[in-house]
Amino acid sequence: MPGGGFSRIPPSVKAQTSEPQDDGRFTLGSFSIDEYKPIKVIVIGAGFSGILAGIRFPQKIPNVDLAIYEKSAGIGGTWYNNRYPGVACDVPAHCYQFSFEGKRDWSAFYSPGHEIQAHLQDVVDKYELMRYIKLSHEVIHARYDEPTGKWHVRVRRTETQDEFEDVGDVLVTAFGAITRWKMPDIPGLNEYAGELHHTAGYKPTGRTWESDLERWKDKRVGVIGSGSTAIQVVSALAPHVASLANYVRGQTWLAPPFSMEMVQELLGRTAAEDDLTLRPEEVERFKNDREYFDRVRYMLENSMNRDSTMQSDFQKMFRKIMEDKLAARPHIAEK
């Protein structure tokens, strides 16, 4: 079995416990001394954390009964739900993955969202996690019962809207917050006659947002906002539509990507080469040179570790920001 794991006690075999009888006598249960107690684990969410739980719990806990409930129709969490134009990770792809499942053929240093979701699907398939994952199942309520030490979880099947209860010994919350979105309350928005999209709810006609470019080439597009998502959308769509206007309420901060200078040095790029799509020969080197791949990951991750130059600089910067904001009450900053 991928990833190893302990042998299971057949479901038909029920563990018996040693308990005192009504007359005060103690009766020894009929079970093996090395028989593991069954334990039920319920996980909410099948993104990175839920997938990791699906791998590690069966590997580490003998006789575990595992259920992973995911409200979406696919695995991957935010990387399944977010498919808006330009969606990508802002952390180097070679670090943004499980340490034990290194993917070495990313197409870009900051990988597009659909590649991350596809990688997670590959991990799910390798470890055969769909036997635990229940898609289109939303956990709507959870209650811990102190006397029995059990979690009572209410689950709704999103396709049929019927509900049922599951009971477990352990409850793991592995869901994120950014899928719970809503349209802004802008007067007149509901009267808009054109296409209206929220980035968190955008569903392309094909597998990725690029499939919509042909349909949008003659469109006039307006983007509201100037956060990181809006920046991705504007830069992705602007070259492909008839016109694009970005409506911004206030100023925003722009900074170079994480470890930009180090990435350019590792790839042998100049400071002017800011397109970090990986060239075919670079992808091949990552795929075929494991030592190089591991060294790049180590250098990127170590740059943010304790006592590194970057960590020290950020600590000083954040402390100065805090002290400036507390200038009228410096005694609080010292605490």
C-alpha atoms as a PDB file:
ATOM      1  CA  MET A   1       0.000   0.000   0.000  1.00  0.00           C
ATOM      2  CA  PRO A   2       1.367   3.477  -0.836  1.00  0.00           C
ATOM      3  CA  GLY A   3       2.840   5.144   2.212  1.00  0.00           C
ATOM      4  CA  GLY A   4       2.823   2.020   4.356  1.00  0.00           C
ATOM      5  CA  GLY A   5       0.480   1.811   7.315  1.00  0.00           C
ATOM      6  CA  PHE A   6      -0.630  -0.658   9.954  1.00  0.00           C
ATOM      7  CA  SER A   7      -2.698  -3.747   9.368  1.00  0.00           C
ATOM      8  CA  ARG A   8      -6.378  -3.376  10.146  1.00  0.00           C
ATOM      9  CA  ILE A   9      -8.667  -5.424  12.325  1.00  0.00           C
ATOM     10  CA  PRO A  10     -11.503  -6.688  10.092  1.00  0.00           C
ATOM     11  CA  PRO A  11     -14.726  -4.692  10.603  1.00  0.00           C
ATOM     12  CA  SER A  12     -16.493  -7.876  11.676  1.00  0.00           C
ATOM     13  CA  VAL A  13     -14.159  -8.226  14.660  1.00  0.00           C
ATOM     14  CA  LYS A  14     -15.340  -6.041  17.532  1.00  0.00           C
ATOM     15  CA  ALA A  15     -12.956  -5.174  20.337  1.00  0.00           C
ATOM     16  CA  GLN A  16     -14.211  -6.175  23.768  1.00  0.00           C
ATOM     17  CA  THR A  17     -13.248  -4.350  26.922  1.00  0.00           C
ATOM     18  CA  SER A  18     -12.661  -5.454  30.474  1.00  0.00           C
ATOM     19  CA  GLU A  19     -15.417  -4.087  32.687  1.00  0.00           C
ATOM     20  CA  PRO A  20     -16.700  -4.614  36.240  1.00  0.00           C
ATOM     21  CA  GLN A  21     -19.964  -6.547  36.463  1.00  0.00           C
ATOM     22  CA  ASP A  22     -23.074  -5.535  38.388  1.00  0.00           C
ATOM     23  CA  ASP A  23     -22.125  -7.836  41.266  1.00  0.00           C
ATOM     24  CA  GLY A  24     -18.717  -6.194  41.596  1.00  0.00           C
ATOM     25  CA  ARG A  25     -16.748  -9.007  39.954  1.00  0.00           C
ATOM     26  CA  PHE A  26     -14.201  -8.098  37.276  1.00  0.00           C
ATOM     27  CA  THR A  27     -14.415  -9.911  33.950  1.00  0.00           C
ATOM     28  CA  LEU A  28     -11.520  -9.964  31.528  1.00  0.00           C
ATOM     29  CA  GLY A  29     -12.545  -9.142  27.956  1.00  0.00           C
ATOM     30  CA  SER A  30     -11.776 -11.591  25.168  1.00  0.00           C
ATOM     31  CA  PHE A  31      -9.273  -9.585  23.136  1.00  0.00           C
ATOM     32  CA  SER A  32      -5.597  -9.818  22.288  1.00  0.00           C
ATOM     33  CA  ILE A  33      -3.137  -7.864  24.432  1.00  0.00           C
ATOM     34  CA  ASP A  34      -1.760  -6.125  21.329  1.00  0.00           C
ATOM     35  CA  GLU A  35      -5.156  -5.399  19.787  1.00  0.00           C
ATOM     36  CA  TYR A  36      -5.515  -1.700  19.024  1.00  0.00           C
ATOM     37  CA  LYS A  37      -8.615   0.162  20.106  1.00  0.00           C
ATOM     38  CA  PRO A  38     -10.674   1.353  17.121  1.00  0.00           C
ATOM     39  CA  ILE A  39     -10.672   5.140  16.752  1.00  0.00           C
ATOM     40  CA  LYS A  40     -12.860   7.255  14.475  1.00  0.00           C
ATOM     41  CA  VAL A  41     -11.340  10.436  13.019  1.00  0.00           C
ATOM     42  CA  ILE A  42     -13.448  12.997  11.151  1.00  0.00           C
ATOM     43  CA  VAL A  43     -11.661  15.601   9.016  1.00  0.00           C
ATOM     44  CA  ILE A  44     -13.384  18.684   7.589  1.00  0.00           C
ATOM     45  CA  GLY A  45     -11.875  19.753   4.280  1.00  0.00           C
ATOM     46  CA  ALA A  46      -9.807  18.107   1.532  1.00  0.00           C
ATOM     47  CA  GLY A  47      -7.262  20.815   0.799  1.00  0.00           C
ATOM     48  CA  PHE A  48      -3.576  20.568   1.723  1.00  0.00           C
ATOM     49  CA  SER A  49      -4.261  19.924   5.424  1.00  0.00           C
ATOM     50  CA  GLY A  50      -7.070  17.437   4.850  1.00  0.00           C
ATOM     51  CA  ILE A  51      -5.022  15.503   2.305  1.00  0.00           C
ATOM     52  CA  LEU A  52      -2.080  15.351   4.711  1.00  0.00           C
ATOM     53  CA  ALA A  53      -4.426  14.066   7.427  1.00  0.00           C
ATOM     54  CA  GLY A  54      -5.632  11.387   5.020  1.00  0.00           C
ATOM     55  CA  ILE A  55      -2.056  10.221   4.502  1.00  0.00           C
ATOM     56  CA  ARG A  56      -0.665  10.431   8.019  1.00  0.00           C
ATOM     57  CA  PHE A  57      -3.549   9.189  10.172  1.00  0.00           C
ATOM     58  CA  PRO A  58      -3.663   5.715   8.566  1.00  0.00           C
ATOM     59  CA  GLN A  59       0.140   5.555   8.656  1.00  0.00           C
ATOM     60  CA  LYS A  60       0.462   6.516  12.313  1.00  0.00           C
ATOM     61  CA  ILE A  61      -2.710   5.233  14.001  1.00  0.00           C
ATOM     62  CA  PRO A  62      -3.522   1.523  13.887  1.00  0.00           C
ATOM     63  CA  ASN A  63      -7.178   0.579  13.429  1.00  0.00           C
ATOM     64  CA  VAL A  64      -8.284   4.095  12.470  1.00  0.00           C
ATOM     65  CA  ASP A  65     -11.653   4.709  10.828  1.00  0.00           C
ATOM     66  CA  LEU A  66     -11.247   7.892   8.786  1.00  0.00           C
ATOM     67  CA  ALA A  67     -13.792  10.140   7.079  1.00  0.00           C
ATOM     68  CA  ILE A  68     -12.844  13.336   5.214  1.00  0.00           C
ATOM     69  CA  TYR A  69     -15.794  15.569   4.329  1.00  0.00           C
ATOM     70  CA  GLU A  70     -15.323  18.110   1.527  1.00  0.00           C
ATOM     71  CA  LYS A  71     -18.172  20.438   0.559  1.00  0.00           C
ATOM     72  CA  SER A  72     -16.824  21.100  -2.953  1.00  0.00           C
ATOM     73  CA  ALA A  73     -17.115  18.690  -5.870  1.00  0.00           C
ATOM     74  CA  GLY A  74     -13.346  18.178  -6.046  1.00  0.00           C
ATOM     75  CA  ILE A  75     -10.248  18.042  -3.850  1.00  0.00           C
ATOM     76  CA  GLY A  76      -7.691  20.796  -3.421  1.00  0.00           C
ATOM     77  CA  GLY A  77      -9.488  23.356  -1.286  1.00  0.00           C
ATOM     78  CA  THR A  78      -8.691  26.883  -2.431  1.00  0.00           C
ATOM     79  CA  TRP A  79      -6.866  25.518  -5.482  1.00  0.00           C
ATOM     80  CA  TYR A  80     -10.021  23.749  -6.639  1.00  0.00           C
ATOM     81  CA  ASN A  81     -12.375  26.632  -5.931  1.00  0.00           C
ATOM     82  CA  ASN A  82     -10.266  29.553  -7.172  1.00  0.00           C
ATOM     83  CA  ARG A  83      -9.938  29.537 -10.970  1.00  0.00           C
ATOM     84  CA  TYR A  84     -10.043  33.242 -11.761  1.00  0.00           C
ATOM     85  CA  PRO A  85      -7.781  34.739 -14.459  1.00  0.00           C
ATOM     86  CA  GLY A  86      -4.164  34.819 -13.345  1.00  0.00           C
ATOM     87  CA  VAL A  87      -4.632  32.679 -10.221  1.00  0.00           C
ATOM     88  CA  ALA A  88      -1.220  31.567  -8.998  1.00  0.00           C
ATOM     89  CA  CYS A  89       0.777  30.959  -5.849  1.00  0.00           C
ATOM     90  CA  ASP A  90       2.926  33.740  -4.394  1.00  0.00           C
ATOM     91  CA  VAL A  91       5.321  31.263  -2.764  1.00  0.00           C
ATOM     92  CA  PRO A  92       7.983  29.471  -4.846  1.00  0.00           C
ATOM     93  CA  ALA A  93       6.372  26.297  -6.179  1.00  0.00           C
ATOM     94  CA  HIS A  94       9.303  24.087  -5.215  1.00  0.00           C
ATOM     95  CA  CYS A  95       8.616  24.913  -1.556  1.00  0.00           C
ATOM     96  CA  TYR A  96       4.819  24.992  -1.768  1.00  0.00           C
ATOM     97  CA  GLN A  97       4.302  21.239  -1.590  1.00  0.00           C
ATOM     98  CA  PHE A  98       4.530  18.324   0.816  1.00  0.00           C
ATOM     99  CA  SER A  99       8.103  17.697   1.922  1.00  0.00           C
ATOM    100  CA  PHE A 100       7.729  13.974   1.159  1.00  0.00           C
ATOM    101  CA  GLU A 101       6.059  14.432  -2.253  1.00  0.00           C
ATOM    102  CA  GLY A 102       8.341  16.757  -4.158  1.00  0.00           C
ATOM    103  CA  LYS A 103       7.076  17.785  -7.600  1.00  0.00           C
ATOM    104  CA  ARG A 104       9.959  18.847  -9.804  1.00  0.00           C
ATOM    105  CA  ASP A 105       8.364  19.754 -13.124  1.00  0.00           C
ATOM    106  CA  TRP A 106       6.553  22.994 -12.293  1.00  0.00           C
ATOM    107  CA  SER A 107       6.109  25.249 -15.329  1.00  0.00           C
ATOM    108  CA  ALA A 108       6.878  28.429 -13.373  1.00  0.00           C
ATOM    109  CA  PHE A 109       8.629  29.408 -10.176  1.00  0.00           C
ATOM    110  CA  TYR A 110       5.301  30.771  -8.936  1.00  0.00           C
ATOM    111  CA  SER A 111       3.033  28.035 -10.180  1.00  0.00           C
ATOM    112  CA  PRO A 112      -0.414  28.611 -11.709  1.00  0.00           C
ATOM    113  CA  GLY A 113      -3.340  27.431  -9.622  1.00  0.00           C
ATOM    114  CA  HIS A 114      -4.429  24.588 -11.897  1.00  0.00           C
ATOM    115  CA  GLU A 115      -0.972  22.971 -11.615  1.00  0.00           C
ATOM    116  CA  ILE A 116      -1.184  22.979  -7.823  1.00  0.00           C
ATOM    117  CA  GLN A 117      -4.651  21.405  -7.912  1.00  0.00           C
ATOM    118  CA  ALA A 118      -3.451  18.766 -10.398  1.00  0.00           C
ATOM    119  CA  HIS A 119      -0.476  17.971  -8.148  1.00  0.00           C
ATOM    120  CA  LEU A 120      -2.767  17.518  -5.156  1.00  0.00           C
ATOM    121  CA  GLN A 121      -4.986  15.214  -7.225  1.00  0.00           C
ATOM    122  CA  ASP A 122      -1.905  13.141  -8.095  1.00  0.00           C
ATOM    123  CA  VAL A 123      -1.076  12.842  -4.384  1.00  0.00           C
ATOM    124  CA  VAL A 124      -4.651  11.805  -3.578  1.00  0.00           C
ATOM    125  CA  ASP A 125      -4.519   9.144  -6.301  1.00  0.00           C
ATOM    126  CA  LYS A 126      -1.107   7.838  -5.225  1.00  0.00           C
ATOM    127  CA  TYR A 127      -2.205   7.306  -1.622  1.00  0.00           C
ATOM    128  CA  GLU A 128      -5.695   6.112  -2.628  1.00  0.00           C
ATOM    129  CA  LEU A 129      -7.356   8.741  -0.440  1.00  0.00           C
ATOM    130  CA  MET A 130     -10.708   8.770  -2.238  1.00  0.00           C
ATOM    131  CA  ARG A 131     -11.687   5.777  -0.092  1.00  0.00           C
ATOM    132  CA  TYR A 132     -11.794   8.274   2.812  1.00  0.00           C
ATOM    133  CA  ILE A 133     -12.899  11.469   1.032  1.00  0.00           C
ATOM    134  CA  LYS A 134     -16.568  12.254   0.565  1.00  0.00           C
ATOM    135  CA  LEU A 135     -17.042  15.089  -1.932  1.00  0.00           C
ATOM    136  CA  SER A 136     -20.056  17.422  -1.962  1.00  0.00           C
ATOM    137  CA  HIS A 137     -20.505  16.821   1.775  1.00  0.00           C
ATOM    138  CA  GLU A 138     -20.682  19.964   3.916  1.00  0.00           C
ATOM    139  CA  VAL A 139     -20.264  19.846   7.692  1.00  0.00           C
ATOM    140  CA  ILE A 140     -22.863  22.265   9.057  1.00  0.00           C
ATOM    141  CA  HIS A 141     -22.647  21.594  12.799  1.00  0.00           C
ATOM    142  CA  ALA A 142     -20.339  19.908  15.293  1.00  0.00           C
ATOM    143  CA  ARG A 143     -20.926  19.235  18.976  1.00  0.00           C
ATOM    144  CA  TYR A 144     -18.629  17.617  21.535  1.00  0.00           C
ATOM    145  CA  ASP A 145     -20.309  15.378  24.100  1.00  0.00           C
ATOM    146  CA  GLU A 146     -18.252  15.515  27.297  1.00  0.00           C
ATOM    147  CA  PRO A 147     -19.680  12.387  29.045  1.00  0.00           C
ATOM    148  CA  THR A 148     -18.955  10.091  26.090  1.00  0.00           C
ATOM    149  CA  GLY A 149     -15.918  11.927  24.707  1.00  0.00           C
ATOM    150  CA  LYS A 150     -17.418  11.878  21.226  1.00  0.00           C
ATOM    151  CA  TRP A 151     -17.892  14.451  18.473  1.00  0.00           C
ATOM    152  CA  HIS A 152     -21.338  14.549  16.877  1.00  0.00           C
ATOM    153  CA  VAL A 153     -21.049  16.019  13.395  1.00  0.00           C
ATOM    154  CA  ARG A 154     -23.973  17.044  11.205  1.00  0.00           C
ATOM    155  CA  VAL A 155     -23.277  16.616   7.480  1.00  0.00           C
ATOM    156  CA  ARG A 156     -25.283  17.840   4.492  1.00  0.00           C
ATOM    157  CA  ARG A 157     -25.019  16.303   1.032  1.00  0.00           C
ATOM    158  CA  THR A 158     -24.901  19.416  -1.136  1.00  0.00           C
ATOM    159  CA  GLU A 159     -26.385  17.736  -4.216  1.00  0.00           C
ATOM    160  CA  THR A 160     -29.517  16.383  -2.495  1.00  0.00           C
ATOM    161  CA  GLN A 161     -29.648  18.625   0.622  1.00  0.00           C
ATOM    162  CA  ASP A 162     -30.354  15.627   2.863  1.00  0.00           C
ATOM    163  CA  GLU A 163     -28.498  15.454   6.178  1.00  0.00           C
ATOM    164  CA  PHE A 164     -27.063  12.801   8.454  1.00  0.00           C
ATOM    165  CA  GLU A 165     -24.983  12.577  11.624  1.00  0.00           C
ATOM    166  CA  ASP A 166     -21.541  11.060  12.011  1.00  0.00           C
ATOM    167  CA  VAL A 167     -19.856  10.389  15.346  1.00  0.00           C
ATOM    168  CA  GLY A 168     -16.113  10.383  15.936  1.00  0.00           C
ATOM    169  CA  ASP A 169     -13.448  10.353  18.627  1.00  0.00           C
ATOM    170  CA  VAL A 170     -11.350  13.081  16.980  1.00  0.00           C
ATOM    171  CA  LEU A 171     -12.439  16.065  14.879  1.00  0.00           C
ATOM    172  CA  VAL A 172      -9.883  17.834  12.669  1.00  0.00           C
ATOM    173  CA  THR A 173     -10.811  21.203  11.152  1.00  0.00           C
ATOM    174  CA  ALA A 174      -8.841  21.443   7.914  1.00  0.00           C
ATOM    175  CA  PHE A 175     -10.926  24.022   6.065  1.00  0.00           C
ATOM    176  CA  GLY A 176      -9.989  27.540   5.026  1.00  0.00           C
ATOM    177  CA  ALA A 177     -11.907  30.793   5.128  1.00  0.00           C
ATOM    178  CA  ILE A 178     -11.501  32.262   1.663  1.00  0.00           C
ATOM    179  CA  THR A 179     -14.185  30.101   0.021  1.00  0.00           C
ATOM    180  CA  ARG A 180     -16.897  31.819   2.083  1.00  0.00           C
ATOM    181  CA  TRP A 181     -17.303  34.830  -0.170  1.00  0.00           C
ATOM    182  CA  LYS A 182     -20.095  37.222  -1.072  1.00  0.00           C
ATOM    183  CA  MET A 183     -20.691  39.968  -3.601  1.00  0.00           C
ATOM    184  CA  PRO A 184     -20.035  43.514  -2.338  1.00  0.00           C
ATOM    185  CA  ASP A 185     -23.080  45.590  -1.434  1.00  0.00           C
ATOM    186  CA  ILE A 186     -22.811  48.189  -4.202  1.00  0.00           C
ATOM    187  CA  PRO A 187     -25.988  50.132  -5.084  1.00  0.00           C
ATOM    188  CA  GLY A 188     -27.180  49.206  -8.564  1.00  0.00           C
ATOM    189  CA  LEU A 189     -24.965  46.135  -8.867  1.00  0.00           C
ATOM    190  CA  ASN A 190     -27.949  43.826  -9.274  1.00  0.00           C
ATOM    191  CA  GLU A 191     -29.096  45.904 -12.250  1.00  0.00           C
ATOM    192  CA  TYR A 192     -25.868  45.407 -14.188  1.00  0.00           C
ATOM    193  CA  ALA A 193     -26.732  43.784 -17.537  1.00  0.00           C
ATOM    194  CA  GLY A 194     -23.312  42.404 -18.463  1.00  0.00           C
ATOM    195  CA  GLU A 195     -21.367  39.431 -17.120  1.00  0.00           C
ATOM    196  CA  LEU A 196     -20.780  39.734 -13.380  1.00  0.00           C
ATOM    197  CA  HIS A 197     -18.136  37.645 -11.635  1.00  0.00           C
ATOM    198  CA  HIS A 198     -16.589  37.388  -8.186  1.00  0.00           C
ATOM    199  CA  THR A 199     -13.060  36.024  -8.382  1.00  0.00           C
ATOM    200  CA  ALA A 200     -13.744  33.464  -5.640  1.00  0.00           C
ATOM    201  CA  GLY A 201     -16.745  32.134  -7.549  1.00  0.00           C
ATOM    202  CA  TYR A 202     -15.401  32.358 -11.085  1.00  0.00           C
ATOM    203  CA  LYS A 203     -15.960  29.169 -13.091  1.00  0.00           C
ATOM    204  CA  PRO A 204     -14.203  28.987 -16.471  1.00  0.00           C
ATOM    205  CA  THR A 205     -15.913  27.246 -19.378  1.00  0.00           C
ATOM    206  CA  GLY A 206     -12.919  24.917 -19.710  1.00  0.00           C
ATOM    207  CA  ARG A 207     -10.380  23.447 -17.317  1.00  0.00           C
ATOM    208  CA  THR A 208      -8.541  26.737 -16.779  1.00  0.00           C
ATOM    209  CA  TRP A 209      -9.263  30.440 -17.193  1.00  0.00           C
ATOM    210  CA  GLU A 210      -7.253  30.547 -20.428  1.00  0.00           C
ATOM    211  CA  SER A 211     -10.137  28.704 -22.105  1.00  0.00           C
ATOM    212  CA  ASP A 212     -12.210  31.912 -21.837  1.00  0.00           C
ATOM    213  CA  LEU A 213      -9.735  34.256 -23.524  1.00  0.00           C
ATOM    214  CA  GLU A 214     -11.148  33.800 -27.017  1.00  0.00           C
ATOM    215  CA  ARG A 215     -14.640  34.592 -25.749  1.00  0.00           C
ATOM    216  CA  TRP A 216     -13.398  37.703 -23.942  1.00  0.00           C
ATOM    217  CA  LYS A 217     -11.176  39.192 -26.649  1.00  0.00           C
ATOM    218  CA  ASP A 218     -13.757  41.804 -27.690  1.00  0.00           C
ATOM    219  CA  LYS A 219     -15.000  42.547 -24.170  1.00  0.00           C
ATOM    220  CA  ARG A 220     -14.627  45.703 -22.119  1.00  0.00           C
ATOM    221  CA  VAL A 221     -13.687  44.582 -18.621  1.00  0.00           C
ATOM    222  CA  GLY A 222     -13.874  46.413 -15.306  1.00  0.00           C
ATOM    223  CA  VAL A 223     -12.045  45.159 -12.225  1.00  0.00           C
ATOM    224  CA  ILE A 224     -12.922  46.497  -8.765  1.00  0.00           C
ATOM    225  CA  GLY A 225     -10.163  46.421  -6.165  1.00  0.00           C
ATOM    226  CA  SER A 226      -6.393  46.579  -5.881  1.00  0.00           C
ATOM    227  CA  GLY A 227      -5.515  43.649  -3.642  1.00  0.00           C
ATOM    228  CA  SER A 228      -3.327  40.725  -4.638  1.00  0.00           C
ATOM    229  CA  THR A 229      -6.168  38.982  -6.499  1.00  0.00           C
ATOM    230  CA  ALA A 230      -7.044  42.094  -8.503  1.00  0.00           C
ATOM    231  CA  ILE A 231      -3.393  42.549  -9.431  1.00  0.00           C
ATOM    232  CA  GLN A 232      -3.291  38.993 -10.782  1.00  0.00           C
ATOM    233  CA  VAL A 233      -6.538  39.466 -12.730  1.00  0.00           C
ATOM    234  CA  VAL A 234      -5.530  42.801 -14.272  1.00  0.00           C
ATOM    235  CA  SER A 235      -2.095  41.619 -15.392  1.00  0.00           C
ATOM    236  CA  ALA A 236      -3.541  38.382 -16.805  1.00  0.00           C
ATOM    237  CA  LEU A 237      -6.491  39.871 -18.722  1.00  0.00           C
ATOM    238  CA  ALA A 238      -5.192  43.244 -19.906  1.00  0.00           C
ATOM    239  CA  PRO A 239      -3.286  41.901 -22.947  1.00  0.00           C
ATOM    240  CA  HIS A 240      -6.235  39.788 -24.106  1.00  0.00           C
ATOM    241  CA  VAL A 241      -9.359  41.981 -23.904  1.00  0.00           C
ATOM    242  CA  ALA A 242     -10.573  45.009 -25.867  1.00  0.00           C
ATOM    243  CA  SER A 243     -10.129  47.318 -22.868  1.00  0.00           C
ATOM    244  CA  LEU A 244      -9.712  47.028 -19.121  1.00  0.00           C
ATOM    245  CA  ALA A 245     -10.407  49.563 -16.371  1.00  0.00           C
ATOM    246  CA  ASN A 246      -9.310  49.004 -12.781  1.00  0.00           C
ATOM    247  CA  TYR A 247     -11.407  50.845 -10.177  1.00  0.00           C
ATOM    248  CA  VAL A 248      -9.410  51.476  -7.021  1.00  0.00           C
ATOM    249  CA  ARG A 249     -10.630  53.127  -3.825  1.00  0.00           C
ATOM    250  CA  GLY A 250      -7.243  53.734  -2.214  1.00  0.00           C
ATOM    251  CA  GLN A 251      -3.535  53.119  -2.492  1.00  0.00           C
ATOM    252  CA  THR A 252      -2.013  49.675  -2.356  1.00  0.00           C
ATOM    253  CA  TRP A 253       1.430  48.303  -1.654  1.00  0.00           C
ATOM    254  CA  LEU A 254       3.384  46.576  -4.401  1.00  0.00           C
ATOM    255  CA  ALA A 255       6.444  44.505  -3.643  1.00  0.00           C
ATOM    256  CA  PRO A 256       8.618  42.154  -5.687  1.00  0.00           C
ATOM    257  CA  PRO A 257       7.805  38.446  -5.400  1.00  0.00           C
ATOM    258  CA  PHE A 258       9.131  36.457  -2.458  1.00  0.00           C
ATOM    259  CA  SER A 259      12.927  35.900  -2.733  1.00  0.00           C
ATOM    260  CA  MET A 260      12.990  37.474  -6.204  1.00  0.00           C
ATOM    261  CA  GLU A 261      16.702  38.296  -6.183  1.00  0.00           C
ATOM    262  CA  MET A 262      17.622  34.828  -4.920  1.00  0.00           C
ATOM    263  CA  VAL A 263      15.427  33.172  -7.541  1.00  0.00           C
ATOM    264  CA  GLN A 264      17.049  35.174 -10.341  1.00  0.00           C
ATOM    265  CA  GLU A 265      20.485  34.226  -9.030  1.00  0.00           C
ATOM    266  CA  LEU A 266      19.587  30.531  -8.777  1.00  0.00           C
ATOM    267  CA  LEU A 267      18.256  30.519 -12.334  1.00  0.00           C
ATOM    268  CA  GLY A 268      21.115  32.581 -13.700  1.00  0.00           C
ATOM    269  CA  ARG A 269      18.752  35.390 -14.708  1.00  0.00           C
ATOM    270  CA  THR A 270      19.485  39.107 -14.785  1.00  0.00           C
ATOM    271  CA  ALA A 271      17.546  41.617 -12.688  1.00  0.00           C
ATOM    272  CA  ALA A 272      15.653  42.691 -15.815  1.00  0.00           C
ATOM    273  CA  GLU A 273      14.340  39.166 -16.447  1.00  0.00           C
ATOM    274  CA  ASP A 274      11.297  39.255 -14.203  1.00  0.00           C
ATOM    275  CA  ASP A 275       9.219  36.643 -16.066  1.00  0.00           C
ATOM    276  CA  LEU A 276       9.741  33.588 -13.900  1.00  0.00           C
ATOM    277  CA  THR A 277       8.112  31.097 -16.228  1.00  0.00           C
ATOM    278  CA  LEU A 278      10.616  28.260 -16.293  1.00  0.00           C
ATOM    279  CA  ARG A 279      12.353  27.512 -19.566  1.00  0.00           C
ATOM    280  CA  PRO A 280      12.353  23.909 -20.848  1.00  0.00           C
ATOM    281  CA  GLU A 281      16.003  23.391 -19.932  1.00  0.00           C
ATOM    282  CA  GLU A 282      15.344  24.703 -16.403  1.00  0.00           C
ATOM    283  CA  VAL A 283      12.409  22.337 -15.918  1.00  0.00           C
ATOM    284  CA  GLU A 284      14.572  19.439 -17.120  1.00  0.00           C
ATOM    285  CA  ARG A 285      17.320  20.323 -14.665  1.00  0.00           C
ATOM    286  CA  PHE A 286      14.897  20.318 -11.743  1.00  0.00           C
ATOM    287  CA  LYS A 287      13.483  16.976 -12.927  1.00  0.00           C
ATOM    288  CA  ASN A 288      16.810  15.240 -13.507  1.00  0.00           C
ATOM    289  CA  ASP A 289      19.092  16.795 -10.888  1.00  0.00           C
ATOM    290  CA  ARG A 290      17.704  15.905  -7.457  1.00  0.00           C
ATOM    291  CA  GLU A 291      20.666  17.472  -5.661  1.00  0.00           C
ATOM    292  CA  TYR A 292      20.033  20.799  -7.418  1.00  0.00           C
ATOM    293  CA  PHE A 293      16.306  20.599  -6.646  1.00  0.00           C
ATOM    294  CA  ASP A 294      16.968  19.938  -2.949  1.00  0.00           C
ATOM    295  CA  ARG A 295      19.568  22.718  -2.771  1.00  0.00           C
ATOM    296  CA  VAL A 296      17.168  25.265  -4.254  1.00  0.00           C
ATOM    297  CA  ARG A 297      14.433  24.260  -1.796  1.00  0.00           C
ATOM    298  CA  TYR A 298      16.855  24.474   1.117  1.00  0.00           C
ATOM    299  CA  MET A 299      18.154  27.904   0.141  1.00  0.00           C
ATOM    300  CA  LEU A 300      14.663  29.340  -0.329  1.00  0.00           C
ATOM    301  CA  GLU A 301      13.286  27.952   2.915  1.00  0.00           C
ATOM    302  CA  ASN A 302      16.416  28.672   4.943  1.00  0.00           C
ATOM    303  CA  SER A 303      16.336  32.325   3.897  1.00  0.00           C
ATOM    304  CA  MET A 304      13.302  32.821   6.151  1.00  0.00           C
ATOM    305  CA  ASN A 305      14.421  30.656   9.069  1.00  0.00           C
ATOM    306  CA  ARG A 306      15.394  31.947  12.486  1.00  0.00           C
ATOM    307  CA  ASP A 307      18.563  34.056  12.579  1.00  0.00           C
ATOM    308  CA  SER A 308      18.637  34.443   8.798  1.00  0.00           C
ATOM    309  CA  THR A 309      19.258  37.909   7.361  1.00  0.00           C
ATOM    310  CA  MET A 310      15.732  38.116   5.953  1.00  0.00           C
ATOM    311  CA  GLN A 311      14.153  37.017   9.236  1.00  0.00           C
ATOM    312  CA  SER A 312      16.187  39.583  11.159  1.00  0.00           C
ATOM    313  CA  ASP A 313      15.328  42.382   8.711  1.00  0.00           C
ATOM    314  CA  PHE A 314      11.607  41.572   8.841  1.00  0.00           C
ATOM    315  CA  GLN A 315      11.689  41.428  12.633  1.00  0.00           C
ATOM    316  CA  LYS A 316      13.270  44.883  12.809  1.00  0.00           C
ATOM    317  CA  MET A 317      10.798  46.275  10.277  1.00  0.00           C
ATOM    318  CA  PHE A 318       7.748  44.892  12.097  1.00  0.00           C
ATOM    319  CA  ARG A 319       9.050  46.131  15.442  1.00  0.00           C
ATOM    320  CA  LYS A 320       9.549  49.644  14.062  1.00  0.00           C
ATOM    321  CA  ILE A 321       6.015  49.646  12.626  1.00  0.00           C
ATOM    322  CA  MET A 322       4.650  48.570  16.010  1.00  0.00           C
ATOM    323  CA  GLU A 323       6.665  51.204  17.905  1.00  0.00           C
ATOM    324  CA  ASP A 324       5.582  53.945  15.481  1.00  0.00           C
ATOM    325  CA  LYS A 325       1.912  53.065  15.920  1.00  0.00           C
ATOM    326  CA  LEU A 326       2.340  53.001  19.708  1.00  0.00           C
ATOM    327  CA  ALA A 327       4.377  56.208  19.925  1.00  0.00           C
ATOM    328  CA  ALA A 328       1.810  57.746  22.287  1.00  0.00           C
ATOM    329  CA  ARG A 329       1.926  54.686  24.571  1.00  0.00           C
ATOM    330  CA  PRO A 330       5.480  53.308  24.357  1.00  0.00           C
ATOM    331  CA  HIS A 331       5.068  51.272  27.548  1.00  0.00           C
ATOM    332  CA  ILE A 332       2.761  48.895  25.663  1.00  0.00           C
ATOM    333  CA  ALA A 333       5.391  48.229  23.006  1.00  0.00           C
ATOM    334  CA  GLU A 334       7.911  47.275  25.669  1.00  0.00           C
ATOM    335  CA  LYS A 335       5.592  44.572  26.986  1.00  0.00           C
END
